[in-house]
Amino acid sequence: MNKIMFVGALVLACVVMGQALQCYKCNLGLFGFCSKSKINCTGASDKCYNADGKTGSLLVVQEKGCVPLASCNTTDSNVAFQQVIYSMTKVCCEGELCNSGATTSVSVLAGIGMVTVWLTSLL
């Protein structure tokens, strides 16, 4: 009887440990709008994150997804999007789908200003 319980507990532990962490994924969000879907994290990507990309004090882009622990709470200050250089800060969280919340919001007026600057740079 003890052997059966031990084997059952071992199998249950393997099943629980084998389940992947689920996070929300958003490859590119602009001006506070980030369309997201659910993904299973694989390999060393064991944390969910929200990321904000800023140029100066203006929020430009957002991301969500899975990253390794070493990439948590880091800032890459040399990222380019549409010929604008910005810094991307990844902030990790704990638990299933913990990155569901909105990233830092930006005012509509600031968003319109950024789009105007970007459009005029294309002309």
Protein backbone atom coordinates (compact mmCIF):
# COMPACT_ATOMS: atom_id res chain seq x y z
CA MET A 1 0.00 0.00 0.00
CA ASN A 2 2.82 2.41 0.87
CA LYS A 3 4.54 1.68 -2.44
CA ILE A 4 1.36 2.49 -4.37
CA MET A 5 0.94 5.79 -2.51
CA PHE A 6 4.61 6.67 -3.07
CA VAL A 7 4.41 5.96 -6.81
CA GLY A 8 1.13 7.93 -7.05
CA ALA A 9 2.67 10.91 -5.26
CA LEU A 10 5.75 10.73 -7.50
CA VAL A 11 3.64 10.69 -10.67
CA LEU A 12 1.52 13.60 -9.40
CA ALA A 13 4.67 15.62 -8.57
CA CYS A 14 6.04 15.01 -12.08
CA VAL A 15 2.78 16.14 -13.67
CA VAL A 16 2.64 19.32 -11.58
CA MET A 17 6.30 20.13 -12.23
CA GLY A 18 5.90 19.47 -15.94
CA GLN A 19 3.22 22.09 -16.46
CA ALA A 20 4.46 25.22 -18.18
CA LEU A 21 3.85 28.68 -16.79
CA GLN A 22 1.23 30.62 -18.76
CA CYS A 23 1.75 34.29 -19.51
CA TYR A 24 0.13 36.89 -21.70
CA LYS A 25 2.04 37.65 -24.93
CA CYS A 26 2.03 40.95 -26.77
CA ASN A 27 4.76 41.54 -29.34
CA LEU A 28 4.09 45.22 -29.86
CA GLY A 29 1.70 47.58 -28.15
CA LEU A 30 1.47 51.24 -29.02
CA PHE A 31 0.30 54.12 -26.83
CA GLY A 32 -1.20 51.94 -24.09
CA PHE A 33 -2.97 49.45 -26.39
CA CYS A 34 -1.44 45.97 -26.39
CA SER A 35 -3.38 43.11 -27.98
CA LYS A 36 -2.55 40.03 -25.97
CA SER A 37 -2.89 36.26 -26.21
CA LYS A 38 -1.96 33.45 -23.80
CA ILE A 39 1.26 31.46 -24.27
CA ASN A 40 3.04 28.66 -22.42
CA CYS A 41 6.57 29.55 -21.34
CA THR A 42 9.20 27.01 -22.36
CA GLY A 43 12.78 26.25 -21.48
CA ALA A 44 14.53 28.79 -19.29
CA SER A 45 11.79 31.39 -19.84
CA ASP A 46 10.18 30.96 -16.46
CA LYS A 47 8.87 34.43 -15.61
CA CYS A 48 6.08 36.58 -17.04
CA TYR A 49 6.92 40.20 -17.78
CA ASN A 50 5.50 43.55 -18.80
CA ALA A 51 7.81 45.93 -20.63
CA ASP A 52 7.58 49.62 -21.39
CA GLY A 53 9.68 51.31 -24.04
CA LYS A 54 10.19 55.03 -23.50
CA THR A 55 11.94 57.82 -25.33
CA GLY A 56 12.55 60.62 -22.84
CA SER A 57 9.43 60.61 -20.68
CA LEU A 58 7.12 59.58 -23.53
CA LEU A 59 5.90 55.98 -23.58
CA VAL A 60 6.32 54.54 -27.08
CA VAL A 61 5.82 50.76 -27.04
CA GLN A 62 4.78 47.92 -24.75
CA GLU A 63 5.51 44.19 -24.71
CA LYS A 64 4.37 41.19 -22.67
CA GLY A 65 5.67 37.64 -22.59
CA CYS A 66 8.04 35.13 -20.96
CA VAL A 67 11.70 35.68 -20.08
CA PRO A 68 14.43 33.96 -18.08
CA LEU A 69 14.93 35.23 -14.54
CA ALA A 70 18.20 36.91 -15.59
CA SER A 71 16.25 39.25 -17.92
CA CYS A 72 13.89 40.43 -15.17
CA ASN A 73 13.97 44.04 -13.99
CA THR A 74 16.47 45.08 -16.64
CA THR A 75 16.58 48.04 -19.02
CA ASP A 76 17.97 47.96 -22.55
CA SER A 77 18.63 51.60 -23.41
CA ASN A 78 19.44 51.21 -27.10
CA VAL A 79 16.31 49.80 -28.80
CA ALA A 80 15.00 51.23 -32.06
CA PHE A 81 11.41 51.39 -33.30
CA GLN A 82 10.42 53.37 -36.42
CA GLN A 83 13.76 55.20 -36.32
CA VAL A 84 13.21 56.30 -32.71
CA ILE A 85 15.72 55.17 -30.06
CA TYR A 86 14.14 54.27 -26.74
CA SER A 87 14.85 52.33 -23.55
CA MET A 88 12.90 49.13 -22.84
CA THR A 89 12.39 48.14 -19.19
CA LYS A 90 11.19 44.59 -18.41
CA VAL A 91 9.47 44.04 -15.07
CA CYS A 92 8.69 40.45 -14.06
CA CYS A 93 5.91 39.11 -11.89
CA GLU A 94 5.09 35.84 -10.12
CA GLY A 95 2.40 33.31 -11.03
CA GLU A 96 0.10 32.27 -13.83
CA LEU A 97 -0.99 35.09 -16.16
CA CYS A 98 0.35 37.67 -13.70
CA ASN A 99 1.23 40.08 -16.54
CA SER A 100 -2.42 40.71 -17.37
CA GLY A 101 -2.41 44.26 -16.08
CA ALA A 102 -1.90 47.25 -18.30
CA THR A 103 1.57 48.62 -18.67
CA THR A 104 2.13 52.27 -17.84
CA SER A 105 -0.58 54.30 -19.51
CA VAL A 106 0.03 57.31 -21.71
CA SER A 107 -2.23 60.24 -22.36
CA VAL A 108 -4.05 60.46 -25.68
CA LEU A 109 -2.51 63.87 -26.32
CA ALA A 110 1.02 62.50 -25.86
CA GLY A 111 0.16 59.59 -28.17
CA ILE A 112 -1.10 61.93 -30.87
CA GLY A 113 2.04 64.03 -30.49
CA MET A 114 4.29 60.99 -30.94
CA VAL A 115 2.40 59.83 -34.04
CA THR A 116 2.64 63.35 -35.48
CA VAL A 117 6.41 63.46 -34.89
CA TRP A 118 6.83 60.01 -36.45
CA LEU A 119 4.70 60.91 -39.51
CA THR A 120 6.54 64.16 -40.11
CA SER A 121 9.87 62.32 -39.94
CA LEU A 122 8.70 60.15 -42.84
CA LEU A 123 8.04 63.17 -45.07
